[in-house]
Amino acid sequence: MNITESIKFNKVKEENEALKEQLEMAHYFNQNLGKELDELKQQQLFKEDFYFQCRWGNVDYDEDCETSWQADEICHNNEHKDYWTWQLKDNSKYYKLPSKEEK
């Protein structure tokens, strides 16, 4: 191997090492993103996590999840909107959500 080839080889070798380092950093970054995504998925709430509650008049309507969306429609159409709320079925999910101070 002559001097020119040796210089080119060393340069390619250095570039290869730099690319390997970048690849390792990208892999580490992707692993951390995966962990963050898993944490965010645990904080996500779905409509099945809530139940419908209407407090119109002296009546308390608590509906289970399967009929709650229909109950919402009935209550809303009867203009009870000011009296209905969606409540979490399991408050432990609420306590797992991050607060603004943690960010």
PDB file of N, CA and C in Angstrom:
ATOM      1  N   MET A   1       0.854  -1.171   0.000  1.00  0.00           N
ATOM      2  CA  MET A   1       0.000   0.000   0.000  1.00  0.00           C
ATOM      3  C   MET A   1       0.902   1.237   0.000  1.00  0.00           C
ATOM      4  N   ASN A   2       0.660   2.136  -0.952  1.00  0.00           N
ATOM      5  CA  ASN A   2       1.493   3.337  -1.003  1.00  0.00           C
ATOM      6  C   ASN A   2       0.945   4.398  -0.046  1.00  0.00           C
ATOM      7  N   ILE A   3       1.607   5.526   0.024  1.00  0.00           N
ATOM      8  CA  ILE A   3       1.262   6.583   0.983  1.00  0.00           C
ATOM      9  C   ILE A   3      -0.135   7.150   0.703  1.00  0.00           C
ATOM     10  N   THR A   4      -0.468   7.384  -0.558  1.00  0.00           N
ATOM     11  CA  THR A   4      -1.776   7.942  -0.921  1.00  0.00           C
ATOM     12  C   THR A   4      -2.895   6.994  -0.497  1.00  0.00           C
ATOM     13  N   GLU A   5      -2.734   5.719  -0.771  1.00  0.00           N
ATOM     14  CA  GLU A   5      -3.739   4.733  -0.375  1.00  0.00           C
ATOM     15  C   GLU A   5      -3.849   4.642   1.141  1.00  0.00           C
ATOM     16  N   SER A   6      -2.716   4.728   1.807  1.00  0.00           N
ATOM     17  CA  SER A   6      -2.702   4.671   3.269  1.00  0.00           C
ATOM     18  C   SER A   6      -3.448   5.859   3.875  1.00  0.00           C
ATOM     19  N   ILE A   7      -3.236   7.058   3.312  1.00  0.00           N
ATOM     20  CA  ILE A   7      -3.931   8.255   3.801  1.00  0.00           C
ATOM     21  C   ILE A   7      -5.436   8.116   3.573  1.00  0.00           C
ATOM     22  N   LYS A   8      -5.823   7.669   2.377  1.00  0.00           N
ATOM     23  CA  LYS A   8      -7.244   7.479   2.072  1.00  0.00           C
ATOM     24  C   LYS A   8      -7.864   6.440   3.009  1.00  0.00           C
ATOM     25  N   PHE A   9      -7.135   5.353   3.237  1.00  0.00           N
ATOM     26  CA  PHE A   9      -7.625   4.291   4.112  1.00  0.00           C
ATOM     27  C   PHE A   9      -7.845   4.814   5.533  1.00  0.00           C
ATOM     28  N   ASN A  10      -6.866   5.569   6.044  1.00  0.00           N
ATOM     29  CA  ASN A  10      -6.984   6.118   7.398  1.00  0.00           C
ATOM     30  C   ASN A  10      -8.164   7.094   7.506  1.00  0.00           C
ATOM     31  N   LYS A  11      -8.347   7.894   6.451  1.00  0.00           N
ATOM     32  CA  LYS A  11      -9.468   8.842   6.448  1.00  0.00           C
ATOM     33  C   LYS A  11     -10.805   8.094   6.452  1.00  0.00           C
ATOM     34  N   VAL A  12     -10.927   7.067   5.619  1.00  0.00           N
ATOM     35  CA  VAL A  12     -12.153   6.265   5.578  1.00  0.00           C
ATOM     36  C   VAL A  12     -12.372   5.573   6.921  1.00  0.00           C
ATOM     37  N   LYS A  13     -11.305   5.111   7.531  1.00  0.00           N
ATOM     38  CA  LYS A  13     -11.397   4.450   8.829  1.00  0.00           C
ATOM     39  C   LYS A  13     -11.911   5.426   9.895  1.00  0.00           C
ATOM     40  N   GLU A  14     -11.413   6.668   9.889  1.00  0.00           N
ATOM     41  CA  GLU A  14     -11.876   7.690  10.835  1.00  0.00           C
ATOM     42  C   GLU A  14     -13.354   8.012  10.611  1.00  0.00           C
ATOM     43  N   GLU A  15     -13.743   8.144   9.352  1.00  0.00           N
ATOM     44  CA  GLU A  15     -15.146   8.423   9.040  1.00  0.00           C
ATOM     45  C   GLU A  15     -16.044   7.277   9.504  1.00  0.00           C
ATOM     46  N   ASN A  16     -15.557   6.060   9.323  1.00  0.00           N
ATOM     47  CA  ASN A  16     -16.299   4.884   9.757  1.00  0.00           C
ATOM     48  C   ASN A  16     -16.497   4.895  11.276  1.00  0.00           C
ATOM     49  N   GLU A  17     -15.455   5.237  12.019  1.00  0.00           N
ATOM     50  CA  GLU A  17     -15.551   5.306  13.480  1.00  0.00           C
ATOM     51  C   GLU A  17     -16.547   6.390  13.904  1.00  0.00           C
ATOM     52  N   ALA A  18     -16.504   7.538  13.220  1.00  0.00           N
ATOM     53  CA  ALA A  18     -17.436   8.627  13.538  1.00  0.00           C
ATOM     54  C   ALA A  18     -18.879   8.191  13.271  1.00  0.00           C
ATOM     55  N   LEU A  19     -19.094   7.489  12.167  1.00  0.00           N
ATOM     56  CA  LEU A  19     -20.435   6.999  11.852  1.00  0.00           C
ATOM     57  C   LEU A  19     -20.910   5.959  12.868  1.00  0.00           C
ATOM     58  N   LYS A  20     -20.000   5.128  13.340  1.00  0.00           N
ATOM     59  CA  LYS A  20     -20.356   4.140  14.362  1.00  0.00           C
ATOM     60  C   LYS A  20     -20.802   4.839  15.642  1.00  0.00           C
ATOM     61  N   GLU A  21     -20.086   5.902  16.023  1.00  0.00           N
ATOM     62  CA  GLU A  21     -20.464   6.658  17.219  1.00  0.00           C
ATOM     63  C   GLU A  21     -21.839   7.298  17.045  1.00  0.00           C
ATOM     64  N   GLN A  22     -22.086   7.868  15.867  1.00  0.00           N
ATOM     65  CA  GLN A  22     -23.395   8.471  15.603  1.00  0.00           C
ATOM     66  C   GLN A  22     -24.505   7.425  15.664  1.00  0.00           C
ATOM     67  N   LEU A  23     -24.224   6.250  15.135  1.00  0.00           N
ATOM     68  CA  LEU A  23     -25.201   5.169  15.160  1.00  0.00           C
ATOM     69  C   LEU A  23     -25.505   4.736  16.594  1.00  0.00           C
ATOM     70  N   GLU A  24     -24.470   4.629  17.421  1.00  0.00           N
ATOM     71  CA  GLU A  24     -24.674   4.262  18.824  1.00  0.00           C
ATOM     72  C   GLU A  24     -25.503   5.318  19.546  1.00  0.00           C
ATOM     73  N   MET A  25     -25.212   6.604  19.276  1.00  0.00           N
ATOM     74  CA  MET A  25     -25.969   7.687  19.903  1.00  0.00           C
ATOM     75  C   MET A  25     -27.429   7.653  19.456  1.00  0.00           C
ATOM     76  N   ALA A  26     -27.662   7.407  18.176  1.00  0.00           N
ATOM     77  CA  ALA A  26     -29.029   7.336  17.656  1.00  0.00           C
ATOM     78  C   ALA A  26     -29.777   6.159  18.281  1.00  0.00           C
ATOM     79  N   HIS A  27     -29.089   5.028  18.439  1.00  0.00           N
ATOM     80  CA  HIS A  27     -29.700   3.855  19.057  1.00  0.00           C
ATOM     81  C   HIS A  27     -30.081   4.161  20.509  1.00  0.00           C
ATOM     82  N   TYR A  28     -29.181   4.793  21.252  1.00  0.00           N
ATOM     83  CA  TYR A  28     -29.449   5.161  22.641  1.00  0.00           C
ATOM     84  C   TYR A  28     -30.633   6.128  22.709  1.00  0.00           C
ATOM     85  N   PHE A  29     -30.655   7.115  21.806  1.00  0.00           N
ATOM     86  CA  PHE A  29     -31.741   8.097  21.751  1.00  0.00           C
ATOM     87  C   PHE A  29     -33.075   7.408  21.478  1.00  0.00           C
ATOM     88  N   ASN A  30     -33.094   6.467  20.538  1.00  0.00           N
ATOM     89  CA  ASN A  30     -34.321   5.736  20.199  1.00  0.00           C
ATOM     90  C   ASN A  30     -34.818   4.896  21.370  1.00  0.00           C
ATOM     91  N   GLN A  31     -33.889   4.301  22.126  1.00  0.00           N
ATOM     92  CA  GLN A  31     -34.287   3.525  23.295  1.00  0.00           C
ATOM     93  C   GLN A  31     -34.973   4.423  24.318  1.00  0.00           C
ATOM     94  N   ASN A  32     -34.406   5.618  24.533  1.00  0.00           N
ATOM     95  CA  ASN A  32     -35.013   6.549  25.486  1.00  0.00           C
ATOM     96  C   ASN A  32     -36.380   7.018  25.011  1.00  0.00           C
ATOM     97  N   LEU A  33     -36.525   7.246  23.703  1.00  0.00           N
ATOM     98  CA  LEU A  33     -37.831   7.640  23.169  1.00  0.00           C
ATOM     99  C   LEU A  33     -38.861   6.540  23.384  1.00  0.00           C
ATOM    100  N   GLY A  34     -38.435   5.296  23.221  1.00  0.00           N
ATOM    101  CA  GLY A  34     -39.339   4.173  23.450  1.00  0.00           C
ATOM    102  C   GLY A  34     -39.819   4.128  24.893  1.00  0.00           C
ATOM    103  N   LYS A  35     -38.917   4.403  25.841  1.00  0.00           N
ATOM    104  CA  LYS A  35     -39.299   4.425  27.255  1.00  0.00           C
ATOM    105  C   LYS A  35     -40.272   5.565  27.530  1.00  0.00           C
ATOM    106  N   GLU A  36     -39.994   6.740  26.955  1.00  0.00           N
ATOM    107  CA  GLU A  36     -40.889   7.883  27.140  1.00  0.00           C
ATOM    108  C   GLU A  36     -42.266   7.597  26.547  1.00  0.00           C
ATOM    109  N   LEU A  37     -42.294   6.951  25.390  1.00  0.00           N
ATOM    110  CA  LEU A  37     -43.567   6.607  24.757  1.00  0.00           C
ATOM    111  C   LEU A  37     -44.367   5.654  25.640  1.00  0.00           C
ATOM    112  N   ASP A  38     -43.695   4.668  26.227  1.00  0.00           N
ATOM    113  CA  ASP A  38     -44.381   3.740  27.123  1.00  0.00           C
ATOM    114  C   ASP A  38     -44.974   4.472  28.326  1.00  0.00           C
ATOM    115  N   GLU A  39     -44.216   5.436  28.881  1.00  0.00           N
ATOM    116  CA  GLU A  39     -44.719   6.213  30.011  1.00  0.00           C
ATOM    117  C   GLU A  39     -45.939   7.038  29.602  1.00  0.00           C
ATOM    118  N   LEU A  40     -45.887   7.642  28.425  1.00  0.00           N
ATOM    119  CA  LEU A  40     -47.018   8.444  27.952  1.00  0.00           C
ATOM    120  C   LEU A  40     -48.252   7.584  27.706  1.00  0.00           C
ATOM    121  N   LYS A  41     -48.054   6.377  27.187  1.00  0.00           N
ATOM    122  CA  LYS A  41     -49.187   5.481  26.955  1.00  0.00           C
ATOM    123  C   LYS A  41     -49.863   5.109  28.268  1.00  0.00           C
ATOM    124  N   GLN A  42     -49.080   4.997  29.349  1.00  0.00           N
ATOM    125  CA  GLN A  42     -49.658   4.677  30.647  1.00  0.00           C
ATOM    126  C   GLN A  42     -50.481   5.841  31.185  1.00  0.00           C
ATOM    127  N   GLN A  43     -50.166   7.059  30.736  1.00  0.00           N
ATOM    128  CA  GLN A  43     -50.880   8.242  31.207  1.00  0.00           C
ATOM    129  C   GLN A  43     -52.110   8.551  30.357  1.00  0.00           C
ATOM    130  N   GLN A  44     -52.270   7.871  29.242  1.00  0.00           N
ATOM    131  CA  GLN A  44     -53.364   8.156  28.323  1.00  0.00           C
ATOM    132  C   GLN A  44     -54.677   7.604  28.875  1.00  0.00           C
ATOM    133  N   LEU A  45     -55.707   8.414  28.790  1.00  0.00           N
ATOM    134  CA  LEU A  45     -57.032   7.990  29.222  1.00  0.00           C
ATOM    135  C   LEU A  45     -57.917   7.754  28.000  1.00  0.00           C
ATOM    136  N   PHE A  46     -58.807   6.785  28.100  1.00  0.00           N
ATOM    137  CA  PHE A  46     -59.722   6.451  27.019  1.00  0.00           C
ATOM    138  C   PHE A  46     -61.153   6.658  27.495  1.00  0.00           C
ATOM    139  N   LYS A  47     -62.093   6.711  26.549  1.00  0.00           N
ATOM    140  CA  LYS A  47     -63.484   6.943  26.936  1.00  0.00           C
ATOM    141  C   LYS A  47     -64.004   5.828  27.841  1.00  0.00           C
ATOM    142  N   GLU A  48     -63.447   4.636  27.728  1.00  0.00           N
ATOM    143  CA  GLU A  48     -63.871   3.529  28.578  1.00  0.00           C
ATOM    144  C   GLU A  48     -63.455   3.735  30.034  1.00  0.00           C
ATOM    145  N   ASP A  49     -62.548   4.684  30.282  1.00  0.00           N
ATOM    146  CA  ASP A  49     -62.089   4.965  31.639  1.00  0.00           C
ATOM    147  C   ASP A  49     -63.062   5.867  32.405  1.00  0.00           C
ATOM    148  N   PHE A  50     -64.118   6.320  31.732  1.00  0.00           N
ATOM    149  CA  PHE A  50     -65.061   7.250  32.344  1.00  0.00           C
ATOM    150  C   PHE A  50     -66.464   6.655  32.400  1.00  0.00           C
ATOM    151  N   TYR A  51     -67.266   7.174  33.297  1.00  0.00           N
ATOM    152  CA  TYR A  51     -68.682   6.841  33.298  1.00  0.00           C
ATOM    153  C   TYR A  51     -69.483   8.139  33.333  1.00  0.00           C
ATOM    154  N   PHE A  52     -70.694   8.072  32.850  1.00  0.00           N
ATOM    155  CA  PHE A  52     -71.561   9.237  32.714  1.00  0.00           C
ATOM    156  C   PHE A  52     -72.353   9.452  33.997  1.00  0.00           C
ATOM    157  N   GLN A  53     -72.490  10.715  34.384  1.00  0.00           N
ATOM    158  CA  GLN A  53     -73.272  11.027  35.568  1.00  0.00           C
ATOM    159  C   GLN A  53     -74.097  12.282  35.290  1.00  0.00           C
ATOM    160  N   CYS A  54     -75.404  12.192  35.515  1.00  0.00           N
ATOM    161  CA  CYS A  54     -76.298  13.341  35.329  1.00  0.00           C
ATOM    162  C   CYS A  54     -76.977  13.631  36.659  1.00  0.00           C
ATOM    163  N   ARG A  55     -76.933  14.879  37.074  1.00  0.00           N
ATOM    164  CA  ARG A  55     -77.560  15.274  38.339  1.00  0.00           C
ATOM    165  C   ARG A  55     -78.687  16.271  38.072  1.00  0.00           C
ATOM    166  N   TRP A  56     -79.598  15.873  37.216  1.00  0.00           N
ATOM    167  CA  TRP A  56     -80.726  16.740  36.902  1.00  0.00           C
ATOM    168  C   TRP A  56     -81.827  16.510  37.922  1.00  0.00           C
ATOM    169  N   GLY A  57     -82.329  17.571  38.502  1.00  0.00           N
ATOM    170  CA  GLY A  57     -83.357  17.442  39.532  1.00  0.00           C
ATOM    171  C   GLY A  57     -82.798  16.742  40.750  1.00  0.00           C
ATOM    172  N   ASN A  58     -83.559  15.836  41.320  1.00  0.00           N
ATOM    173  CA  ASN A  58     -83.120  15.083  42.495  1.00  0.00           C
ATOM    174  C   ASN A  58     -82.605  13.698  42.121  1.00  0.00           C
ATOM    175  N   VAL A  59     -82.435  13.475  40.829  1.00  0.00           N
ATOM    176  CA  VAL A  59     -82.082  12.134  40.361  1.00  0.00           C
ATOM    177  C   VAL A  59     -80.602  12.088  40.006  1.00  0.00           C
ATOM    178  N   ASP A  60     -79.955  10.994  40.373  1.00  0.00           N
ATOM    179  CA  ASP A  60     -78.553  10.761  40.034  1.00  0.00           C
ATOM    180  C   ASP A  60     -78.501   9.613  39.041  1.00  0.00           C
ATOM    181  N   TYR A  61     -78.156   9.860  37.803  1.00  0.00           N
ATOM    182  CA  TYR A  61     -78.060   8.796  36.801  1.00  0.00           C
ATOM    183  C   TYR A  61     -76.601   8.405  36.646  1.00  0.00           C
ATOM    184  N   ASP A  62     -76.272   7.213  37.040  1.00  0.00           N
ATOM    185  CA  ASP A  62     -74.939   6.666  36.799  1.00  0.00           C
ATOM    186  C   ASP A  62     -75.093   5.522  35.818  1.00  0.00           C
ATOM    187  N   GLU A  63     -74.440   5.638  34.700  1.00  0.00           N
ATOM    188  CA  GLU A  63     -74.558   4.621  33.661  1.00  0.00           C
ATOM    189  C   GLU A  63     -73.220   3.912  33.507  1.00  0.00           C
ATOM    190  N   ASP A  64     -73.279   2.640  33.169  1.00  0.00           N
ATOM    191  CA  ASP A  64     -72.024   1.952  32.886  1.00  0.00           C
ATOM    192  C   ASP A  64     -71.523   2.364  31.507  1.00  0.00           C
ATOM    193  N   CYS A  65     -70.323   1.976  31.207  1.00  0.00           N
ATOM    194  CA  CYS A  65     -69.633   2.454  30.003  1.00  0.00           C
ATOM    195  C   CYS A  65     -70.389   2.139  28.720  1.00  0.00           C
ATOM    196  N   GLU A  66     -70.981   0.968  28.631  1.00  0.00           N
ATOM    197  CA  GLU A  66     -71.597   0.550  27.369  1.00  0.00           C
ATOM    198  C   GLU A  66     -72.806   1.403  27.004  1.00  0.00           C
ATOM    199  N   THR A  67     -73.536   1.878  27.995  1.00  0.00           N
ATOM    200  CA  THR A  67     -74.720   2.678  27.696  1.00  0.00           C
ATOM    201  C   THR A  67     -74.501   4.160  27.958  1.00  0.00           C
ATOM    202  N   SER A  68     -73.348   4.529  28.467  1.00  0.00           N
ATOM    203  CA  SER A  68     -73.139   5.915  28.879  1.00  0.00           C
ATOM    204  C   SER A  68     -73.195   6.882  27.711  1.00  0.00           C
ATOM    205  N   TRP A  69     -72.717   6.479  26.546  1.00  0.00           N
ATOM    206  CA  TRP A  69     -72.727   7.401  25.412  1.00  0.00           C
ATOM    207  C   TRP A  69     -74.163   7.648  24.946  1.00  0.00           C
ATOM    208  N   GLN A  70     -75.025   6.645  25.049  1.00  0.00           N
ATOM    209  CA  GLN A  70     -76.436   6.848  24.736  1.00  0.00           C
ATOM    210  C   GLN A  70     -77.083   7.737  25.794  1.00  0.00           C
ATOM    211  N   ALA A  71     -76.739   7.512  27.047  1.00  0.00           N
ATOM    212  CA  ALA A  71     -77.292   8.325  28.125  1.00  0.00           C
ATOM    213  C   ALA A  71     -76.863   9.775  27.961  1.00  0.00           C
ATOM    214  N   ASP A  72     -75.636   9.978  27.537  1.00  0.00           N
ATOM    215  CA  ASP A  72     -75.146  11.327  27.275  1.00  0.00           C
ATOM    216  C   ASP A  72     -76.008  11.998  26.219  1.00  0.00           C
ATOM    217  N   GLU A  73     -76.328  11.271  25.167  1.00  0.00           N
ATOM    218  CA  GLU A  73     -77.135  11.810  24.077  1.00  0.00           C
ATOM    219  C   GLU A  73     -78.542  12.168  24.570  1.00  0.00           C
ATOM    220  N   ILE A  74     -79.144  11.283  25.353  1.00  0.00           N
ATOM    221  CA  ILE A  74     -80.487  11.525  25.885  1.00  0.00           C
ATOM    222  C   ILE A  74     -80.481  12.739  26.806  1.00  0.00           C
ATOM    223  N   CYS A  75     -79.544  12.762  27.731  1.00  0.00           N
ATOM    224  CA  CYS A  75     -79.468  13.854  28.695  1.00  0.00           C
ATOM    225  C   CYS A  75     -79.193  15.178  27.987  1.00  0.00           C
ATOM    226  N   HIS A  76     -78.287  15.153  27.039  1.00  0.00           N
ATOM    227  CA  HIS A  76     -77.932  16.374  26.312  1.00  0.00           C
ATOM    228  C   HIS A  76     -79.115  16.883  25.496  1.00  0.00           C
ATOM    229  N   ASN A  77     -79.841  15.986  24.855  1.00  0.00           N
ATOM    230  CA  ASN A  77     -81.009  16.382  24.064  1.00  0.00           C
ATOM    231  C   ASN A  77     -82.115  16.951  24.942  1.00  0.00           C
ATOM    232  N   ASN A  78     -82.158  16.529  26.199  1.00  0.00           N
ATOM    233  CA  ASN A  78     -83.146  17.068  27.135  1.00  0.00           C
ATOM    234  C   ASN A  78     -82.652  18.340  27.810  1.00  0.00           C
ATOM    235  N   GLU A  79     -81.588  18.879  27.290  1.00  0.00           N
ATOM    236  CA  GLU A  79     -81.014  20.129  27.779  1.00  0.00           C
ATOM    237  C   GLU A  79     -80.632  20.075  29.252  1.00  0.00           C
ATOM    238  N   HIS A  80     -80.086  18.950  29.665  1.00  0.00           N
ATOM    239  CA  HIS A  80     -79.566  18.814  31.030  1.00  0.00           C
ATOM    240  C   HIS A  80     -78.062  19.050  31.048  1.00  0.00           C
ATOM    241  N   LYS A  81     -77.550  19.645  30.019  1.00  0.00           N
ATOM    242  CA  LYS A  81     -76.102  19.734  29.848  1.00  0.00           C
ATOM    243  C   LYS A  81     -75.395  20.307  31.077  1.00  0.00           C
ATOM    244  N   ASP A  82     -76.009  21.256  31.735  1.00  0.00           N
ATOM    245  CA  ASP A  82     -75.370  21.859  32.906  1.00  0.00           C
ATOM    246  C   ASP A  82     -75.289  20.899  34.081  1.00  0.00           C
ATOM    247  N   TYR A  83     -75.983  19.779  34.005  1.00  0.00           N
ATOM    248  CA  TYR A  83     -76.055  18.857  35.127  1.00  0.00           C
ATOM    249  C   TYR A  83     -75.266  17.572  34.914  1.00  0.00           C
ATOM    250  N   TRP A  84     -74.665  17.397  33.738  1.00  0.00           N
ATOM    251  CA  TRP A  84     -73.988  16.125  33.511  1.00  0.00           C
ATOM    252  C   TRP A  84     -72.478  16.268  33.519  1.00  0.00           C
ATOM    253  N   THR A  85     -71.839  15.212  33.956  1.00  0.00           N
ATOM    254  CA  THR A  85     -70.376  15.168  34.011  1.00  0.00           C
ATOM    255  C   THR A  85     -69.903  13.772  33.631  1.00  0.00           C
ATOM    256  N   TRP A  86     -68.656  13.694  33.280  1.00  0.00           N
ATOM    257  CA  TRP A  86     -67.989  12.410  33.060  1.00  0.00           C
ATOM    258  C   TRP A  86     -67.039  12.205  34.223  1.00  0.00           C
ATOM    259  N   GLN A  87     -67.168  11.078  34.886  1.00  0.00           N
ATOM    260  CA  GLN A  87     -66.350  10.773  36.053  1.00  0.00           C
ATOM    261  C   GLN A  87     -65.389   9.635  35.719  1.00  0.00           C
ATOM    262  N   LEU A  88     -64.190   9.716  36.271  1.00  0.00           N
ATOM    263  CA  LEU A  88     -63.239   8.616  36.114  1.00  0.00           C
ATOM    264  C   LEU A  88     -63.735   7.402  36.884  1.00  0.00           C
ATOM    265  N   LYS A  89     -63.683   6.234  36.262  1.00  0.00           N
ATOM    266  CA  LYS A  89     -64.068   5.002  36.949  1.00  0.00           C
ATOM    267  C   LYS A  89     -63.047   4.640  38.023  1.00  0.00           C
ATOM    268  N   ASP A  90     -61.771   4.878  37.719  1.00  0.00           N
ATOM    269  CA  ASP A  90     -60.693   4.477  38.613  1.00  0.00           C
ATOM    270  C   ASP A  90     -59.803   5.693  38.862  1.00  0.00           C
ATOM    271  N   ASN A  91     -59.912   6.288  40.042  1.00  0.00           N
ATOM    272  CA  ASN A  91     -59.142   7.495  40.342  1.00  0.00           C
ATOM    273  C   ASN A  91     -57.642   7.248  40.429  1.00  0.00           C
ATOM    274  N   SER A  92     -57.225   6.011  40.571  1.00  0.00           N
ATOM    275  CA  SER A  92     -55.788   5.743  40.634  1.00  0.00           C
ATOM    276  C   SER A  92     -55.106   6.148  39.332  1.00  0.00           C
ATOM    277  N   LYS A  93     -55.842   6.116  38.211  1.00  0.00           N
ATOM    278  CA  LYS A  93     -55.271   6.563  36.940  1.00  0.00           C
ATOM    279  C   LYS A  93     -55.013   8.062  36.971  1.00  0.00           C
ATOM    280  N   TYR A  94     -55.879   8.802  37.644  1.00  0.00           N
ATOM    281  CA  TYR A  94     -55.705  10.251  37.740  1.00  0.00           C
ATOM    282  C   TYR A  94     -54.434  10.586  38.508  1.00  0.00           C
ATOM    283  N   TYR A  95     -54.181   9.862  39.572  1.00  0.00           N
ATOM    284  CA  TYR A  95     -53.028  10.167  40.414  1.00  0.00           C
ATOM    285  C   TYR A  95     -51.707   9.822  39.738  1.00  0.00           C
ATOM    286  N   LYS A  96     -51.739   9.035  38.676  1.00  0.00           N
ATOM    287  CA  LYS A  96     -50.522   8.707  37.935  1.00  0.00           C
ATOM    288  C   LYS A  96     -50.165   9.771  36.907  1.00  0.00           C
ATOM    289  N   LEU A  97     -51.091  10.696  36.627  1.00  0.00           N
ATOM    290  CA  LEU A  97     -50.822  11.747  35.649  1.00  0.00           C
ATOM    291  C   LEU A  97     -49.836  12.752  36.228  1.00  0.00           C
ATOM    292  N   PRO A  98     -48.912  13.254  35.401  1.00  0.00           N
ATOM    293  CA  PRO A  98     -47.937  14.222  35.913  1.00  0.00           C
ATOM    294  C   PRO A  98     -48.601  15.575  36.157  1.00  0.00           C
ATOM    295  N   SER A  99     -48.068  16.302  37.111  1.00  0.00           N
ATOM    296  CA  SER A  99     -48.573  17.651  37.361  1.00  0.00           C
ATOM    297  C   SER A  99     -47.745  18.657  36.571  1.00  0.00           C
ATOM    298  N   LYS A 100     -48.229  19.883  36.479  1.00  0.00           N
ATOM    299  CA  LYS A 100     -47.508  20.914  35.737  1.00  0.00           C
ATOM    300  C   LYS A 100     -46.162  21.215  36.381  1.00  0.00           C
ATOM    301  N   GLU A 101     -46.067  21.101  37.702  1.00  0.00           N
ATOM    302  CA  GLU A 101     -44.819  21.395  38.404  1.00  0.00           C
ATOM    303  C   GLU A 101     -43.704  20.414  38.054  1.00  0.00           C
ATOM    304  N   GLU A 102     -44.062  19.189  37.681  1.00  0.00           N
ATOM    305  CA  GLU A 102     -43.064  18.167  37.364  1.00  0.00           C
ATOM    306  C   GLU A 102     -42.389  18.412  36.034  1.00  0.00           C
ATOM    307  N   LYS A 103     -43.019  19.187  35.144  1.00  0.00           N
ATOM    308  CA  LYS A 103     -42.476  19.402  33.805  1.00  0.00           C
ATOM    309  C   LYS A 103     -41.395  20.399  33.808  1.00  0.00           C
TER     310      LYS A 103
END
